[in-house]
Amino acid sequence: MAFSPFKFLQEVRTETNKVTWPSRRETTITTIMVFVMVALSSIFFFAADQIIRHLVAFLLTMH
């Protein structure tokens, strides 16, 4: 079976036409949700890091 670049590109175009592309509104909403989740995750991990830092500092300074 020989490789044919033309046939490959034709199949790629056929498959691309089958894709349901998101609308501009869906893309905007999804992008905003990603930024919100990144912000919430950042806050959570910052808080967890601070709690662990204070706990370790407390344990290391105990006599």
PDB file of N, CA and C in Angstrom:
ATOM      1  N   MET A   1       0.840  -1.165   0.000  1.00  0.00           N
ATOM      2  CA  MET A   1       0.000   0.000   0.000  1.00  0.00           C
ATOM      3  C   MET A   1       0.894   1.239   0.000  1.00  0.00           C
ATOM      4  N   ALA A   2       0.820   2.036  -1.036  1.00  0.00           N
ATOM      5  CA  ALA A   2       1.670   3.212  -1.187  1.00  0.00           C
ATOM      6  C   ALA A   2       1.037   4.407  -0.486  1.00  0.00           C
ATOM      7  N   PHE A   3       1.900   5.266   0.019  1.00  0.00           N
ATOM      8  CA  PHE A   3       1.453   6.480   0.699  1.00  0.00           C
ATOM      9  C   PHE A   3       1.180   7.561  -0.336  1.00  0.00           C
ATOM     10  N   SER A   4      -0.010   8.129  -0.275  1.00  0.00           N
ATOM     11  CA  SER A   4      -0.361   9.182  -1.213  1.00  0.00           C
ATOM     12  C   SER A   4      -0.707  10.451  -0.430  1.00  0.00           C
ATOM     13  N   PRO A   5       0.144  11.479  -0.502  1.00  0.00           N
ATOM     14  CA  PRO A   5      -0.138  12.717   0.228  1.00  0.00           C
ATOM     15  C   PRO A   5      -1.474  13.348  -0.180  1.00  0.00           C
ATOM     16  N   PHE A   6      -1.817  13.257  -1.449  1.00  0.00           N
ATOM     17  CA  PHE A   6      -3.076  13.830  -1.912  1.00  0.00           C
ATOM     18  C   PHE A   6      -4.265  13.129  -1.255  1.00  0.00           C
ATOM     19  N   LYS A   7      -4.207  11.790  -1.210  1.00  0.00           N
ATOM     20  CA  LYS A   7      -5.302  11.035  -0.595  1.00  0.00           C
ATOM     21  C   LYS A   7      -5.385  11.336   0.900  1.00  0.00           C
ATOM     22  N   PHE A   8      -4.230  11.430   1.539  1.00  0.00           N
ATOM     23  CA  PHE A   8      -4.200  11.739   2.962  1.00  0.00           C
ATOM     24  C   PHE A   8      -4.870  13.088   3.231  1.00  0.00           C
ATOM     25  N   LEU A   9      -4.503  14.120   2.473  1.00  0.00           N
ATOM     26  CA  LEU A   9      -5.100  15.447   2.667  1.00  0.00           C
ATOM     27  C   LEU A   9      -6.594  15.434   2.374  1.00  0.00           C
ATOM     28  N   GLN A  10      -6.995  14.644   1.418  1.00  0.00           N
ATOM     29  CA  GLN A  10      -8.423  14.526   1.106  1.00  0.00           C
ATOM     30  C   GLN A  10      -9.168  13.896   2.285  1.00  0.00           C
ATOM     31  N   GLU A  11      -8.585  12.880   2.904  1.00  0.00           N
ATOM     32  CA  GLU A  11      -9.216  12.231   4.067  1.00  0.00           C
ATOM     33  C   GLU A  11      -9.237  13.173   5.266  1.00  0.00           C
ATOM     34  N   VAL A  12      -8.178  13.954   5.432  1.00  0.00           N
ATOM     35  CA  VAL A  12      -8.143  14.930   6.526  1.00  0.00           C
ATOM     36  C   VAL A  12      -9.259  15.951   6.346  1.00  0.00           C
ATOM     37  N   ARG A  13      -9.432  16.448   5.130  1.00  0.00           N
ATOM     38  CA  ARG A  13     -10.500  17.418   4.856  1.00  0.00           C
ATOM     39  C   ARG A  13     -11.874  16.802   5.136  1.00  0.00           C
ATOM     40  N   THR A  14     -12.074  15.538   4.737  1.00  0.00           N
ATOM     41  CA  THR A  14     -13.347  14.856   4.982  1.00  0.00           C
ATOM     42  C   THR A  14     -13.618  14.747   6.481  1.00  0.00           C
ATOM     43  N   GLU A  15     -12.605  14.357   7.253  1.00  0.00           N
ATOM     44  CA  GLU A  15     -12.776  14.221   8.701  1.00  0.00           C
ATOM     45  C   GLU A  15     -12.996  15.581   9.355  1.00  0.00           C
ATOM     46  N   THR A  16     -12.316  16.609   8.883  1.00  0.00           N
ATOM     47  CA  THR A  16     -12.483  17.959   9.435  1.00  0.00           C
ATOM     48  C   THR A  16     -13.905  18.458   9.230  1.00  0.00           C
ATOM     49  N   ASN A  17     -14.500  18.107   8.117  1.00  0.00           N
ATOM     50  CA  ASN A  17     -15.883  18.526   7.861  1.00  0.00           C
ATOM     51  C   ASN A  17     -16.880  17.842   8.788  1.00  0.00           C
ATOM     52  N   LYS A  18     -16.501  16.715   9.385  1.00  0.00           N
ATOM     53  CA  LYS A  18     -17.395  15.994  10.298  1.00  0.00           C
ATOM     54  C   LYS A  18     -17.390  16.594  11.706  1.00  0.00           C
ATOM     55  N   VAL A  19     -16.381  17.417  12.002  1.00  0.00           N
ATOM     56  CA  VAL A  19     -16.233  17.974  13.345  1.00  0.00           C
ATOM     57  C   VAL A  19     -17.318  19.019  13.598  1.00  0.00           C
ATOM     58  N   THR A  20     -17.895  18.970  14.805  1.00  0.00           N
ATOM     59  CA  THR A  20     -18.843  20.007  15.217  1.00  0.00           C
ATOM     60  C   THR A  20     -18.042  21.076  15.940  1.00  0.00           C
ATOM     61  N   TRP A  21     -17.816  22.188  15.274  1.00  0.00           N
ATOM     62  CA  TRP A  21     -17.004  23.248  15.846  1.00  0.00           C
ATOM     63  C   TRP A  21     -17.840  24.084  16.812  1.00  0.00           C
ATOM     64  N   PRO A  22     -17.244  24.512  17.949  1.00  0.00           N
ATOM     65  CA  PRO A  22     -18.010  25.327  18.902  1.00  0.00           C
ATOM     66  C   PRO A  22     -18.260  26.725  18.345  1.00  0.00           C
ATOM     67  N   SER A  23     -19.345  27.316  18.807  1.00  0.00           N
ATOM     68  CA  SER A  23     -19.657  28.687  18.386  1.00  0.00           C
ATOM     69  C   SER A  23     -18.733  29.655  19.132  1.00  0.00           C
ATOM     70  N   ARG A  24     -18.743  30.896  18.700  1.00  0.00           N
ATOM     71  CA  ARG A  24     -17.924  31.917  19.366  1.00  0.00           C
ATOM     72  C   ARG A  24     -18.358  32.073  20.823  1.00  0.00           C
ATOM     73  N   ARG A  25     -19.677  32.009  21.063  1.00  0.00           N
ATOM     74  CA  ARG A  25     -20.201  32.137  22.436  1.00  0.00           C
ATOM     75  C   ARG A  25     -19.723  30.981  23.313  1.00  0.00           C
ATOM     76  N   GLU A  26     -19.796  29.753  22.795  1.00  0.00           N
ATOM     77  CA  GLU A  26     -19.330  28.588  23.554  1.00  0.00           C
ATOM     78  C   GLU A  26     -17.838  28.691  23.860  1.00  0.00           C
ATOM     79  N   THR A  27     -17.073  29.146  22.893  1.00  0.00           N
ATOM     80  CA  THR A  27     -15.628  29.294  23.093  1.00  0.00           C
ATOM     81  C   THR A  27     -15.337  30.348  24.156  1.00  0.00           C
ATOM     82  N   THR A  28     -16.070  31.456  24.125  1.00  0.00           N
ATOM     83  CA  THR A  28     -15.874  32.524  25.111  1.00  0.00           C
ATOM     84  C   THR A  28     -16.220  32.033  26.512  1.00  0.00           C
ATOM     85  N   ILE A  29     -17.354  31.357  26.653  1.00  0.00           N
ATOM     86  CA  ILE A  29     -17.783  30.852  27.962  1.00  0.00           C
ATOM     87  C   ILE A  29     -16.772  29.827  28.494  1.00  0.00           C
ATOM     88  N   THR A  30     -16.323  28.939  27.634  1.00  0.00           N
ATOM     89  CA  THR A  30     -15.359  27.929  28.056  1.00  0.00           C
ATOM     90  C   THR A  30     -14.041  28.576  28.481  1.00  0.00           C
ATOM     91  N   THR A  31     -13.592  29.573  27.747  1.00  0.00           N
ATOM     92  CA  THR A  31     -12.353  30.276  28.088  1.00  0.00           C
ATOM     93  C   THR A  31     -12.481  30.970  29.439  1.00  0.00           C
ATOM     94  N   ILE A  32     -13.609  31.627  29.666  1.00  0.00           N
ATOM     95  CA  ILE A  32     -13.833  32.289  30.957  1.00  0.00           C
ATOM     96  C   ILE A  32     -13.836  31.266  32.087  1.00  0.00           C
ATOM     97  N   MET A  33     -14.489  30.134  31.866  1.00  0.00           N
ATOM     98  CA  MET A  33     -14.528  29.095  32.896  1.00  0.00           C
ATOM     99  C   MET A  33     -13.136  28.560  33.207  1.00  0.00           C
ATOM    100  N   VAL A  34     -12.303  28.425  32.196  1.00  0.00           N
ATOM    101  CA  VAL A  34     -10.925  27.970  32.422  1.00  0.00           C
ATOM    102  C   VAL A  34     -10.190  28.976  33.305  1.00  0.00           C
ATOM    103  N   PHE A  35     -10.316  30.273  32.993  1.00  0.00           N
ATOM    104  CA  PHE A  35      -9.651  31.288  33.808  1.00  0.00           C
ATOM    105  C   PHE A  35     -10.179  31.292  35.245  1.00  0.00           C
ATOM    106  N   VAL A  36     -11.478  31.120  35.421  1.00  0.00           N
ATOM    107  CA  VAL A  36     -12.066  31.066  36.769  1.00  0.00           C
ATOM    108  C   VAL A  36     -11.518  29.864  37.536  1.00  0.00           C
ATOM    109  N   MET A  37     -11.471  28.711  36.888  1.00  0.00           N
ATOM    110  CA  MET A  37     -10.963  27.506  37.564  1.00  0.00           C
ATOM    111  C   MET A  37      -9.473  27.634  37.895  1.00  0.00           C
ATOM    112  N   VAL A  38      -8.709  28.263  37.019  1.00  0.00           N
ATOM    113  CA  VAL A  38      -7.284  28.496  37.306  1.00  0.00           C
ATOM    114  C   VAL A  38      -7.137  29.412  38.514  1.00  0.00           C
ATOM    115  N   ALA A  39      -7.937  30.460  38.579  1.00  0.00           N
ATOM    116  CA  ALA A  39      -7.879  31.383  39.711  1.00  0.00           C
ATOM    117  C   ALA A  39      -8.260  30.672  41.011  1.00  0.00           C
ATOM    118  N   LEU A  40      -9.344  29.901  40.985  1.00  0.00           N
ATOM    119  CA  LEU A  40      -9.763  29.172  42.187  1.00  0.00           C
ATOM    120  C   LEU A  40      -8.722  28.151  42.617  1.00  0.00           C
ATOM    121  N   SER A  41      -8.148  27.457  41.662  1.00  0.00           N
ATOM    122  CA  SER A  41      -7.102  26.480  41.983  1.00  0.00           C
ATOM    123  C   SER A  41      -5.885  27.173  42.582  1.00  0.00           C
ATOM    124  N   SER A  42      -5.519  28.317  42.024  1.00  0.00           N
ATOM    125  CA  SER A  42      -4.377  29.072  42.547  1.00  0.00           C
ATOM    126  C   SER A  42      -4.618  29.487  43.990  1.00  0.00           C
ATOM    127  N   ILE A  43      -5.805  29.991  44.270  1.00  0.00           N
ATOM    128  CA  ILE A  43      -6.145  30.401  45.639  1.00  0.00           C
ATOM    129  C   ILE A  43      -6.104  29.203  46.577  1.00  0.00           C
ATOM    130  N   PHE A  44      -6.690  28.084  46.150  1.00  0.00           N
ATOM    131  CA  PHE A  44      -6.709  26.879  46.991  1.00  0.00           C
ATOM    132  C   PHE A  44      -5.292  26.412  47.303  1.00  0.00           C
ATOM    133  N   PHE A  45      -4.447  26.276  46.278  1.00  0.00           N
ATOM    134  CA  PHE A  45      -3.098  25.770  46.511  1.00  0.00           C
ATOM    135  C   PHE A  45      -2.241  26.753  47.288  1.00  0.00           C
ATOM    136  N   PHE A  46      -2.464  28.052  47.103  1.00  0.00           N
ATOM    137  CA  PHE A  46      -1.755  29.041  47.912  1.00  0.00           C
ATOM    138  C   PHE A  46      -2.141  28.883  49.381  1.00  0.00           C
ATOM    139  N   ALA A  47      -3.442  28.758  49.657  1.00  0.00           N
ATOM    140  CA  ALA A  47      -3.911  28.599  51.039  1.00  0.00           C
ATOM    141  C   ALA A  47      -3.377  27.306  51.651  1.00  0.00           C
ATOM    142  N   ALA A  48      -3.431  26.209  50.894  1.00  0.00           N
ATOM    143  CA  ALA A  48      -2.921  24.931  51.399  1.00  0.00           C
ATOM    144  C   ALA A  48      -1.426  25.034  51.684  1.00  0.00           C
ATOM    145  N   ASP A  49      -0.683  25.692  50.818  1.00  0.00           N
ATOM    146  CA  ASP A  49       0.750  25.867  51.017  1.00  0.00           C
ATOM    147  C   ASP A  49       1.047  26.667  52.275  1.00  0.00           C
ATOM    148  N   GLN A  50       0.276  27.732  52.501  1.00  0.00           N
ATOM    149  CA  GLN A  50       0.489  28.553  53.690  1.00  0.00           C
ATOM    150  C   GLN A  50       0.170  27.777  54.968  1.00  0.00           C
ATOM    151  N   ILE A  51      -0.897  27.002  54.950  1.00  0.00           N
ATOM    152  CA  ILE A  51      -1.261  26.200  56.121  1.00  0.00           C
ATOM    153  C   ILE A  51      -0.165  25.182  56.418  1.00  0.00           C
ATOM    154  N   ILE A  52       0.308  24.502  55.404  1.00  0.00           N
ATOM    155  CA  ILE A  52       1.371  23.505  55.605  1.00  0.00           C
ATOM    156  C   ILE A  52       2.652  24.184  56.076  1.00  0.00           C
ATOM    157  N   ARG A  53       2.973  25.361  55.511  1.00  0.00           N
ATOM    158  CA  ARG A  53       4.181  26.093  55.923  1.00  0.00           C
ATOM    159  C   ARG A  53       4.112  26.463  57.398  1.00  0.00           C
ATOM    160  N   HIS A  54       2.970  26.980  57.843  1.00  0.00           N
ATOM    161  CA  HIS A  54       2.827  27.353  59.252  1.00  0.00           C
ATOM    162  C   HIS A  54       2.861  26.119  60.153  1.00  0.00           C
ATOM    163  N   LEU A  55       2.254  25.032  59.725  1.00  0.00           N
ATOM    164  CA  LEU A  55       2.265  23.797  60.508  1.00  0.00           C
ATOM    165  C   LEU A  55       3.676  23.265  60.663  1.00  0.00           C
ATOM    166  N   VAL A  56       4.438  23.233  59.593  1.00  0.00           N
ATOM    167  CA  VAL A  56       5.819  22.746  59.653  1.00  0.00           C
ATOM    168  C   VAL A  56       6.669  23.674  60.508  1.00  0.00           C
ATOM    169  N   ALA A  57       6.505  24.975  60.349  1.00  0.00           N
ATOM    170  CA  ALA A  57       7.256  25.931  61.161  1.00  0.00           C
ATOM    171  C   ALA A  57       6.937  25.735  62.644  1.00  0.00           C
ATOM    172  N   PHE A  58       5.669  25.541  62.946  1.00  0.00           N
ATOM    173  CA  PHE A  58       5.263  25.306  64.350  1.00  0.00           C
ATOM    174  C   PHE A  58       5.891  24.027  64.884  1.00  0.00           C
ATOM    175  N   LEU A  59       5.864  22.953  64.104  1.00  0.00           N
ATOM    176  CA  LEU A  59       6.425  21.685  64.552  1.00  0.00           C
ATOM    177  C   LEU A  59       7.951  21.769  64.737  1.00  0.00           C
ATOM    178  N   LEU A  60       8.612  22.540  63.890  1.00  0.00           N
ATOM    179  CA  LEU A  60      10.067  22.652  63.987  1.00  0.00           C
ATOM    180  C   LEU A  60      10.519  23.543  65.147  1.00  0.00           C
ATOM    181  N   THR A  61       9.649  24.446  65.607  1.00  0.00           N
ATOM    182  CA  THR A  61      10.029  25.335  66.712  1.00  0.00           C
ATOM    183  C   THR A  61       9.582  24.812  68.070  1.00  0.00           C
ATOM    184  N   MET A  62       8.920  23.653  68.087  1.00  0.00           N
ATOM    185  CA  MET A  62       8.489  23.086  69.384  1.00  0.00           C
ATOM    186  C   MET A  62       9.722  22.610  70.165  1.00  0.00           C
ATOM    187  N   HIS A  63       9.671  22.770  71.468  1.00  0.00           N
ATOM    188  CA  HIS A  63      10.778  22.320  72.313  1.00  0.00           C
ATOM    189  C   HIS A  63      10.432  21.014  72.950  1.00  0.00           C
TER     190      HIS A  63
END
